[in-house]
């Protein structure tokens, strides 16, 4: 079975890890300039570095579908720069997962694969996908909706270590981001962690830098550019988050449930809608 995941950020990577470890082959699609914050746990880094590893699983940048197939045969995860998912027809995935987390649908449709799963707000099961997985932290995180949609985006980051919006660092202006610290650095409130157009981006709480944009990424004022973790646990920097793995578990459940339904009721007899 081949699962094609749109997006390769930290949540998409948690999904990829769950599927890969369950024996499903995984390929991922990204933009040419990823805006991932938690880069140490994101396969999107393969776009920038050529290859990367998260929790012992390797991903490599592929320049073509043929190269992607070769990477799959080597037991790794190919990452293609293809934000429009134009390669999906040639790859013919059994499953397509939209984990872009854009809070809206950027072009995923029911006919892109036998099983299509939307992650987070912006999708409606039965309309543009077969199932939707909840991404909101709390009681429903990771739950699969086979009808309807995920909870709407609140714009407020989830609570971690007693802090929510305070832990997020945002670009102070339009321009090109340049980091002043590294992911894993210990910072205090007020420390300068990055610069944009000559203006500082400062930490607002004490903690460990859990995520930071790569140098040279183009940003707009107010865009999320960093994340400080008040728990100060170094191991968390290299591990997929509880949220990413919970969402990944929901995606795995949806794939197994919908694939079983397809086996019992082939498309000519029953349409998954």
C-alpha atoms as a PDB file:
ATOM      1  CA  UNK A   1       0.000   0.000   0.000  1.00  0.00           C
ATOM      2  CA  UNK A   2       1.245   3.486  -0.876  1.00  0.00           C
ATOM      3  CA  UNK A   3       0.117   6.587   1.013  1.00  0.00           C
ATOM      4  CA  UNK A   4       0.809   9.990  -0.505  1.00  0.00           C
ATOM      5  CA  UNK A   5       0.860  12.799   2.074  1.00  0.00           C
ATOM      6  CA  UNK A   6       0.400  16.412   1.027  1.00  0.00           C
ATOM      7  CA  UNK A   7       2.649  18.391   3.366  1.00  0.00           C
ATOM      8  CA  UNK A   8       5.783  17.336   5.246  1.00  0.00           C
ATOM      9  CA  UNK A   9       5.735  19.528   8.349  1.00  0.00           C
ATOM     10  CA  UNK A  10       5.821  18.197  11.902  1.00  0.00           C
ATOM     11  CA  UNK A  11       2.196  16.992  11.991  1.00  0.00           C
ATOM     12  CA  UNK A  12       2.496  15.402   8.539  1.00  0.00           C
ATOM     13  CA  UNK A  13       5.739  13.778   9.724  1.00  0.00           C
ATOM     14  CA  UNK A  14       3.986  12.295  12.772  1.00  0.00           C
ATOM     15  CA  UNK A  15       1.433  10.823  10.373  1.00  0.00           C
ATOM     16  CA  UNK A  16       4.196   9.476   8.136  1.00  0.00           C
ATOM     17  CA  UNK A  17       5.922   7.822  11.103  1.00  0.00           C
ATOM     18  CA  UNK A  18       2.720   6.087  12.194  1.00  0.00           C
ATOM     19  CA  UNK A  19       1.974   4.794   8.680  1.00  0.00           C
ATOM     20  CA  UNK A  20       5.574   3.825   7.903  1.00  0.00           C
ATOM     21  CA  UNK A  21       5.890   1.827  11.123  1.00  0.00           C
ATOM     22  CA  UNK A  22       2.608   0.078  10.349  1.00  0.00           C
ATOM     23  CA  UNK A  23       4.081  -1.235   7.088  1.00  0.00           C
ATOM     24  CA  UNK A  24       2.586   1.339   4.710  1.00  0.00           C
ATOM     25  CA  UNK A  25       4.895   2.882   2.131  1.00  0.00           C
ATOM     26  CA  UNK A  26       4.860   6.678   2.316  1.00  0.00           C
ATOM     27  CA  UNK A  27       5.681   9.482  -0.124  1.00  0.00           C
ATOM     28  CA  UNK A  28       5.339  13.161   0.752  1.00  0.00           C
ATOM     29  CA  UNK A  29       4.795  16.420  -1.140  1.00  0.00           C
ATOM     30  CA  UNK A  30       6.083  19.858  -0.113  1.00  0.00           C
ATOM     31  CA  UNK A  31       6.533  23.418  -1.330  1.00  0.00           C
ATOM     32  CA  UNK A  32       9.893  24.673  -2.621  1.00  0.00           C
ATOM     33  CA  UNK A  33      10.421  26.884   0.463  1.00  0.00           C
ATOM     34  CA  UNK A  34       8.958  25.095   3.494  1.00  0.00           C
ATOM     35  CA  UNK A  35       7.857  27.256   6.417  1.00  0.00           C
ATOM     36  CA  UNK A  36       8.166  24.481   8.995  1.00  0.00           C
ATOM     37  CA  UNK A  37       8.955  25.627  12.530  1.00  0.00           C
ATOM     38  CA  UNK A  38       9.736  22.280  14.209  1.00  0.00           C
ATOM     39  CA  UNK A  39      12.395  21.405  11.669  1.00  0.00           C
ATOM     40  CA  UNK A  40      14.134  18.755  13.796  1.00  0.00           C
ATOM     41  CA  UNK A  41      11.022  16.561  13.587  1.00  0.00           C
ATOM     42  CA  UNK A  42       9.882  17.338  10.041  1.00  0.00           C
ATOM     43  CA  UNK A  43      10.623  15.518   6.805  1.00  0.00           C
ATOM     44  CA  UNK A  44      10.242  18.866   5.016  1.00  0.00           C
ATOM     45  CA  UNK A  45      13.914  19.407   5.899  1.00  0.00           C
ATOM     46  CA  UNK A  46      14.737  16.989   3.062  1.00  0.00           C
ATOM     47  CA  UNK A  47      13.794  19.790   0.656  1.00  0.00           C
ATOM     48  CA  UNK A  48      16.444  22.075   2.163  1.00  0.00           C
ATOM     49  CA  UNK A  49      19.126  19.515   3.018  1.00  0.00           C
ATOM     50  CA  UNK A  50      18.559  16.772   0.439  1.00  0.00           C
ATOM     51  CA  UNK A  51      17.890  14.200   3.143  1.00  0.00           C
ATOM     52  CA  UNK A  52      16.983  14.052   6.823  1.00  0.00           C
ATOM     53  CA  UNK A  53      16.073  11.598   9.558  1.00  0.00           C
ATOM     54  CA  UNK A  54      13.365  11.679  12.240  1.00  0.00           C
ATOM     55  CA  UNK A  55      13.238   9.014  14.955  1.00  0.00           C
ATOM     56  CA  UNK A  56      15.353   6.648  12.882  1.00  0.00           C
ATOM     57  CA  UNK A  57      13.280   6.987   9.692  1.00  0.00           C
ATOM     58  CA  UNK A  58      14.977   8.510   6.647  1.00  0.00           C
ATOM     59  CA  UNK A  59      13.533  10.836   4.032  1.00  0.00           C
ATOM     60  CA  UNK A  60      15.191  11.946   0.812  1.00  0.00           C
ATOM     61  CA  UNK A  61      14.416  14.626  -1.734  1.00  0.00           C
ATOM     62  CA  UNK A  62      13.239  13.188  -5.064  1.00  0.00           C
ATOM     63  CA  UNK A  63      13.394  15.153  -8.303  1.00  0.00           C
ATOM     64  CA  UNK A  64      10.990  12.887 -10.188  1.00  0.00           C
ATOM     65  CA  UNK A  65       8.410  10.162  -9.712  1.00  0.00           C
ATOM     66  CA  UNK A  66      10.952   7.626 -10.969  1.00  0.00           C
ATOM     67  CA  UNK A  67      13.460   8.734  -8.343  1.00  0.00           C
ATOM     68  CA  UNK A  68      10.713   8.639  -5.708  1.00  0.00           C
ATOM     69  CA  UNK A  69       9.984   5.010  -6.590  1.00  0.00           C
ATOM     70  CA  UNK A  70      13.660   4.172  -6.186  1.00  0.00           C
ATOM     71  CA  UNK A  71      13.720   5.787  -2.732  1.00  0.00           C
ATOM     72  CA  UNK A  72      10.621   3.802  -1.756  1.00  0.00           C
ATOM     73  CA  UNK A  73      12.338   0.602  -2.865  1.00  0.00           C
ATOM     74  CA  UNK A  74      15.268   1.482  -0.586  1.00  0.00           C
ATOM     75  CA  UNK A  75      12.940   1.625   2.420  1.00  0.00           C
ATOM     76  CA  UNK A  76      13.004   5.411   2.826  1.00  0.00           C
ATOM     77  CA  UNK A  77      10.417   8.166   2.364  1.00  0.00           C
ATOM     78  CA  UNK A  78      10.665  10.285  -0.806  1.00  0.00           C
ATOM     79  CA  UNK A  79       9.789  13.975  -0.585  1.00  0.00           C
ATOM     80  CA  UNK A  80       8.859  15.699  -3.836  1.00  0.00           C
ATOM     81  CA  UNK A  81       8.458  19.439  -4.396  1.00  0.00           C
ATOM     82  CA  UNK A  82       4.920  19.322  -5.754  1.00  0.00           C
ATOM     83  CA  UNK A  83       2.490  21.537  -3.818  1.00  0.00           C
ATOM     84  CA  UNK A  84      -0.276  20.946  -6.362  1.00  0.00           C
ATOM     85  CA  UNK A  85      -0.008  17.137  -6.117  1.00  0.00           C
ATOM     86  CA  UNK A  86       0.363  16.909  -9.891  1.00  0.00           C
ATOM     87  CA  UNK A  87       2.310  13.651  -9.506  1.00  0.00           C
ATOM     88  CA  UNK A  88      -0.576  11.830  -7.816  1.00  0.00           C
ATOM     89  CA  UNK A  89      -1.865  10.461 -11.129  1.00  0.00           C
ATOM     90  CA  UNK A  90       1.513   8.960 -12.026  1.00  0.00           C
ATOM     91  CA  UNK A  91       2.162   7.625  -8.521  1.00  0.00           C
ATOM     92  CA  UNK A  92      -1.366   6.150  -8.248  1.00  0.00           C
ATOM     93  CA  UNK A  93      -1.433   6.066  -4.434  1.00  0.00           C
ATOM     94  CA  UNK A  94      -3.855   3.826  -2.572  1.00  0.00           C
ATOM     95  CA  UNK A  95      -4.298   6.595  -0.021  1.00  0.00           C
ATOM     96  CA  UNK A  96      -3.983  10.360  -0.198  1.00  0.00           C
ATOM     97  CA  UNK A  97      -3.692  12.327   3.044  1.00  0.00           C
ATOM     98  CA  UNK A  98      -3.975  16.115   2.994  1.00  0.00           C
ATOM     99  CA  UNK A  99      -1.881  17.271   5.963  1.00  0.00           C
ATOM    100  CA  UNK A 100      -0.965  20.732   4.674  1.00  0.00           C
ATOM    101  CA  UNK A 101      -2.856  22.240   7.629  1.00  0.00           C
ATOM    102  CA  UNK A 102      -3.814  25.330   5.659  1.00  0.00           C
ATOM    103  CA  UNK A 103      -7.183  25.492   7.505  1.00  0.00           C
ATOM    104  CA  UNK A 104      -8.773  25.207   4.061  1.00  0.00           C
ATOM    105  CA  UNK A 105      -8.732  22.756   1.188  1.00  0.00           C
ATOM    106  CA  UNK A 106      -6.022  23.569  -1.367  1.00  0.00           C
ATOM    107  CA  UNK A 107      -7.276  21.255  -4.076  1.00  0.00           C
ATOM    108  CA  UNK A 108      -7.738  17.775  -2.595  1.00  0.00           C
ATOM    109  CA  UNK A 109     -10.667  15.866  -4.115  1.00  0.00           C
ATOM    110  CA  UNK A 110     -12.353  12.516  -3.556  1.00  0.00           C
ATOM    111  CA  UNK A 111     -11.110  11.093  -6.854  1.00  0.00           C
ATOM    112  CA  UNK A 112      -7.380  11.514  -6.100  1.00  0.00           C
ATOM    113  CA  UNK A 113      -7.126   8.045  -4.490  1.00  0.00           C
ATOM    114  CA  UNK A 114      -9.389   5.166  -3.391  1.00  0.00           C
ATOM    115  CA  UNK A 115      -9.060   6.511   0.177  1.00  0.00           C
ATOM    116  CA  UNK A 116      -8.714  10.251   0.822  1.00  0.00           C
ATOM    117  CA  UNK A 117      -8.208  11.629   4.338  1.00  0.00           C
ATOM    118  CA  UNK A 118      -8.312  15.313   5.283  1.00  0.00           C
ATOM    119  CA  UNK A 119      -6.444  16.520   8.367  1.00  0.00           C
ATOM    120  CA  UNK A 120      -7.903  19.387  10.398  1.00  0.00           C
ATOM    121  CA  UNK A 121     -10.347  22.153   9.432  1.00  0.00           C
ATOM    122  CA  UNK A 122     -11.253  22.827   5.808  1.00  0.00           C
ATOM    123  CA  UNK A 123     -12.507  19.364   4.824  1.00  0.00           C
ATOM    124  CA  UNK A 124     -15.905  17.715   4.924  1.00  0.00           C
ATOM    125  CA  UNK A 125     -16.164  13.915   4.914  1.00  0.00           C
ATOM    126  CA  UNK A 126     -18.229  12.773   1.959  1.00  0.00           C
ATOM    127  CA  UNK A 127     -17.653  16.011   0.056  1.00  0.00           C
ATOM    128  CA  UNK A 128     -13.901  16.391  -0.566  1.00  0.00           C
ATOM    129  CA  UNK A 129     -12.551  13.404   1.364  1.00  0.00           C
ATOM    130  CA  UNK A 130     -13.714  10.137   2.896  1.00  0.00           C
ATOM    131  CA  UNK A 131     -12.707  10.974   6.469  1.00  0.00           C
ATOM    132  CA  UNK A 132     -11.442  13.930   8.484  1.00  0.00           C
ATOM    133  CA  UNK A 133      -9.058  13.666  11.454  1.00  0.00           C
ATOM    134  CA  UNK A 134      -9.356  16.139  14.332  1.00  0.00           C
ATOM    135  CA  UNK A 135      -6.304  18.310  15.069  1.00  0.00           C
ATOM    136  CA  UNK A 136      -7.646  20.475  17.901  1.00  0.00           C
ATOM    137  CA  UNK A 137      -5.856  19.738  21.179  1.00  0.00           C
ATOM    138  CA  UNK A 138      -8.199  18.422  23.827  1.00  0.00           C
ATOM    139  CA  UNK A 139     -10.788  15.696  24.190  1.00  0.00           C
ATOM    140  CA  UNK A 140     -11.299  15.090  20.458  1.00  0.00           C
ATOM    141  CA  UNK A 141      -7.676  15.195  19.254  1.00  0.00           C
ATOM    142  CA  UNK A 142      -7.041  12.380  16.755  1.00  0.00           C
ATOM    143  CA  UNK A 143     -10.722  11.427  16.468  1.00  0.00           C
ATOM    144  CA  UNK A 144     -11.879  10.371  12.991  1.00  0.00           C
ATOM    145  CA  UNK A 145     -14.972  11.986  11.484  1.00  0.00           C
ATOM    146  CA  UNK A 146     -16.597   9.845   8.803  1.00  0.00           C
ATOM    147  CA  UNK A 147     -19.290  12.490   8.459  1.00  0.00           C
ATOM    148  CA  UNK A 148     -18.950  16.253   8.781  1.00  0.00           C
ATOM    149  CA  UNK A 149     -15.856  18.322   9.550  1.00  0.00           C
ATOM    150  CA  UNK A 150     -13.189  18.928  12.174  1.00  0.00           C
ATOM    151  CA  UNK A 151     -13.612  21.663  14.776  1.00  0.00           C
ATOM    152  CA  UNK A 152     -12.999  25.153  13.346  1.00  0.00           C
ATOM    153  CA  UNK A 153      -9.622  26.812  13.857  1.00  0.00           C
ATOM    154  CA  UNK A 154      -9.548  29.106  16.900  1.00  0.00           C
ATOM    155  CA  UNK A 155      -6.265  30.799  16.029  1.00  0.00           C
ATOM    156  CA  UNK A 156      -5.027  30.090  19.579  1.00  0.00           C
ATOM    157  CA  UNK A 157      -2.099  27.632  19.952  1.00  0.00           C
ATOM    158  CA  UNK A 158      -2.628  24.650  22.221  1.00  0.00           C
ATOM    159  CA  UNK A 159      -1.657  24.799  25.884  1.00  0.00           C
ATOM    160  CA  UNK A 160       1.834  23.417  26.605  1.00  0.00           C
ATOM    161  CA  UNK A 161       3.442  23.696  30.014  1.00  0.00           C
ATOM    162  CA  UNK A 162       0.791  26.206  31.083  1.00  0.00           C
ATOM    163  CA  UNK A 163       1.359  28.529  28.106  1.00  0.00           C
ATOM    164  CA  UNK A 164      -0.542  28.903  24.830  1.00  0.00           C
ATOM    165  CA  UNK A 165      -0.078  31.944  22.579  1.00  0.00           C
ATOM    166  CA  UNK A 166       2.812  33.206  24.704  1.00  0.00           C
ATOM    167  CA  UNK A 167       5.122  30.442  23.538  1.00  0.00           C
ATOM    168  CA  UNK A 168       4.807  31.373  19.855  1.00  0.00           C
ATOM    169  CA  UNK A 169       7.239  33.863  18.316  1.00  0.00           C
ATOM    170  CA  UNK A 170       6.029  35.804  15.294  1.00  0.00           C
ATOM    171  CA  UNK A 171       7.831  37.713  12.562  1.00  0.00           C
ATOM    172  CA  UNK A 172       7.982  41.437  13.419  1.00  0.00           C
ATOM    173  CA  UNK A 173       7.842  42.579   9.783  1.00  0.00           C
ATOM    174  CA  UNK A 174       7.750  41.491   6.159  1.00  0.00           C
ATOM    175  CA  UNK A 175      11.119  40.306   4.922  1.00  0.00           C
ATOM    176  CA  UNK A 176      13.680  37.515   5.102  1.00  0.00           C
ATOM    177  CA  UNK A 177      14.073  35.636   8.373  1.00  0.00           C
ATOM    178  CA  UNK A 178      17.477  35.233  10.017  1.00  0.00           C
ATOM    179  CA  UNK A 179      17.763  33.214  13.228  1.00  0.00           C
ATOM    180  CA  UNK A 180      19.938  34.329  16.148  1.00  0.00           C
ATOM    181  CA  UNK A 181      19.674  31.084  18.132  1.00  0.00           C
ATOM    182  CA  UNK A 182      19.433  27.384  17.335  1.00  0.00           C
ATOM    183  CA  UNK A 183      16.634  24.915  17.943  1.00  0.00           C
ATOM    184  CA  UNK A 184      17.412  23.461  21.376  1.00  0.00           C
ATOM    185  CA  UNK A 185      18.852  26.709  22.762  1.00  0.00           C
ATOM    186  CA  UNK A 186      17.749  27.836  26.229  1.00  0.00           C
ATOM    187  CA  UNK A 187      16.310  31.359  26.176  1.00  0.00           C
ATOM    188  CA  UNK A 188      14.720  33.833  28.590  1.00  0.00           C
ATOM    189  CA  UNK A 189      11.844  36.198  27.987  1.00  0.00           C
ATOM    190  CA  UNK A 190      13.160  39.173  26.028  1.00  0.00           C
ATOM    191  CA  UNK A 191      16.030  37.331  24.348  1.00  0.00           C
ATOM    192  CA  UNK A 192      16.367  38.074  20.637  1.00  0.00           C
ATOM    193  CA  UNK A 193      15.820  34.839  18.710  1.00  0.00           C
ATOM    194  CA  UNK A 194      15.612  36.173  15.178  1.00  0.00           C
ATOM    195  CA  UNK A 195      15.694  39.235  12.945  1.00  0.00           C
ATOM    196  CA  UNK A 196      13.518  40.387  10.063  1.00  0.00           C
ATOM    197  CA  UNK A 197      14.210  43.614   8.150  1.00  0.00           C
ATOM    198  CA  UNK A 198      16.390  44.862  11.012  1.00  0.00           C
ATOM    199  CA  UNK A 199      13.709  44.257  13.653  1.00  0.00           C
ATOM    200  CA  UNK A 200      14.123  41.746  16.494  1.00  0.00           C
ATOM    201  CA  UNK A 201      11.886  38.762  17.189  1.00  0.00           C
ATOM    202  CA  UNK A 202      12.046  38.097  20.923  1.00  0.00           C
ATOM    203  CA  UNK A 203      11.031  35.235  23.180  1.00  0.00           C
ATOM    204  CA  UNK A 204       8.147  36.149  25.484  1.00  0.00           C
ATOM    205  CA  UNK A 205       8.699  33.292  27.977  1.00  0.00           C
ATOM    206  CA  UNK A 206      11.628  31.338  29.398  1.00  0.00           C
ATOM    207  CA  UNK A 207      12.271  27.914  27.930  1.00  0.00           C
ATOM    208  CA  UNK A 208      13.879  25.883  25.164  1.00  0.00           C
ATOM    209  CA  UNK A 209      13.577  26.869  21.512  1.00  0.00           C
ATOM    210  CA  UNK A 210      11.472  24.006  20.167  1.00  0.00           C
ATOM    211  CA  UNK A 211      11.072  25.377  16.670  1.00  0.00           C
ATOM    212  CA  UNK A 212      12.543  28.097  14.460  1.00  0.00           C
ATOM    213  CA  UNK A 213      12.253  28.946  10.791  1.00  0.00           C
ATOM    214  CA  UNK A 214      15.259  28.233   8.598  1.00  0.00           C
ATOM    215  CA  UNK A 215      17.430  31.191   7.653  1.00  0.00           C
ATOM    216  CA  UNK A 216      16.456  32.849   4.405  1.00  0.00           C
ATOM    217  CA  UNK A 217      12.744  32.044   4.521  1.00  0.00           C
ATOM    218  CA  UNK A 218      10.502  34.878   3.330  1.00  0.00           C
ATOM    219  CA  UNK A 219       7.981  35.899   5.993  1.00  0.00           C
ATOM    220  CA  UNK A 220       5.152  38.355   6.482  1.00  0.00           C
ATOM    221  CA  UNK A 221       4.513  40.377   9.618  1.00  0.00           C
ATOM    222  CA  UNK A 222       2.765  38.289  12.279  1.00  0.00           C
ATOM    223  CA  UNK A 223       3.698  34.970  10.675  1.00  0.00           C
ATOM    224  CA  UNK A 224       4.661  32.198  13.113  1.00  0.00           C
ATOM    225  CA  UNK A 225       8.430  31.959  13.050  1.00  0.00           C
ATOM    226  CA  UNK A 226       9.417  30.231  16.299  1.00  0.00           C
ATOM    227  CA  UNK A 227       8.222  28.296  19.327  1.00  0.00           C
ATOM    228  CA  UNK A 228       9.542  28.219  22.910  1.00  0.00           C
ATOM    229  CA  UNK A 229       8.810  25.187  25.078  1.00  0.00           C
ATOM    230  CA  UNK A 230       8.582  26.067  28.808  1.00  0.00           C
ATOM    231  CA  UNK A 231       9.059  22.416  29.824  1.00  0.00           C
ATOM    232  CA  UNK A 232      12.768  22.545  28.925  1.00  0.00           C
ATOM    233  CA  UNK A 233      13.028  18.848  28.068  1.00  0.00           C
ATOM    234  CA  UNK A 234      15.877  18.419  25.532  1.00  0.00           C
ATOM    235  CA  UNK A 235      14.569  15.049  24.306  1.00  0.00           C
ATOM    236  CA  UNK A 236      11.353  16.679  23.075  1.00  0.00           C
ATOM    237  CA  UNK A 237      13.317  18.523  20.391  1.00  0.00           C
ATOM    238  CA  UNK A 238      14.034  15.278  18.509  1.00  0.00           C
ATOM    239  CA  UNK A 239      10.724  13.461  19.090  1.00  0.00           C
ATOM    240  CA  UNK A 240       7.449  13.792  17.231  1.00  0.00           C
ATOM    241  CA  UNK A 241       4.915  15.507  19.489  1.00  0.00           C
ATOM    242  CA  UNK A 242       1.990  13.884  21.258  1.00  0.00           C
ATOM    243  CA  UNK A 243      -0.302  15.826  18.924  1.00  0.00           C
ATOM    244  CA  UNK A 244       1.466  14.650  15.763  1.00  0.00           C
ATOM    245  CA  UNK A 245       1.332  11.010  16.820  1.00  0.00           C
ATOM    246  CA  UNK A 246      -2.310  11.264  17.962  1.00  0.00           C
ATOM    247  CA  UNK A 247      -3.287  12.696  14.584  1.00  0.00           C
ATOM    248  CA  UNK A 248      -1.192  10.013  12.897  1.00  0.00           C
ATOM    249  CA  UNK A 249      -3.077   7.346  14.830  1.00  0.00           C
ATOM    250  CA  UNK A 250      -6.358   8.795  13.625  1.00  0.00           C
ATOM    251  CA  UNK A 251      -5.167   8.749  10.022  1.00  0.00           C
ATOM    252  CA  UNK A 252      -4.061   5.127  10.380  1.00  0.00           C
ATOM    253  CA  UNK A 253      -7.468   4.193  11.807  1.00  0.00           C
ATOM    254  CA  UNK A 254      -9.242   5.915   8.910  1.00  0.00           C
ATOM    255  CA  UNK A 255      -7.071   4.153   6.325  1.00  0.00           C
ATOM    256  CA  UNK A 256      -7.663   0.716   7.838  1.00  0.00           C
ATOM    257  CA  UNK A 257     -11.402   1.266   8.255  1.00  0.00           C
ATOM    258  CA  UNK A 258     -11.923   2.662   4.764  1.00  0.00           C
ATOM    259  CA  UNK A 259      -9.670   0.099   3.083  1.00  0.00           C
ATOM    260  CA  UNK A 260     -11.604  -2.686   4.787  1.00  0.00           C
ATOM    261  CA  UNK A 261     -14.831  -1.128   3.516  1.00  0.00           C
ATOM    262  CA  UNK A 262     -13.400  -1.065  -0.022  1.00  0.00           C
ATOM    263  CA  UNK A 263     -12.427  -4.732   0.190  1.00  0.00           C
ATOM    264  CA  UNK A 264     -15.903  -5.700   1.379  1.00  0.00           C
ATOM    265  CA  UNK A 265     -17.675  -3.337  -1.007  1.00  0.00           C
ATOM    266  CA  UNK A 266     -15.662  -2.636  -4.191  1.00  0.00           C
ATOM    267  CA  UNK A 267     -16.328   0.734  -5.894  1.00  0.00           C
ATOM    268  CA  UNK A 268     -18.605  -0.779  -8.539  1.00  0.00           C
ATOM    269  CA  UNK A 269     -20.948  -1.913  -5.785  1.00  0.00           C
ATOM    270  CA  UNK A 270     -20.462   0.808  -3.204  1.00  0.00           C
ATOM    271  CA  UNK A 271     -18.991   4.314  -3.303  1.00  0.00           C
ATOM    272  CA  UNK A 272     -17.216   5.595  -0.205  1.00  0.00           C
ATOM    273  CA  UNK A 273     -19.071   8.858   0.306  1.00  0.00           C
END
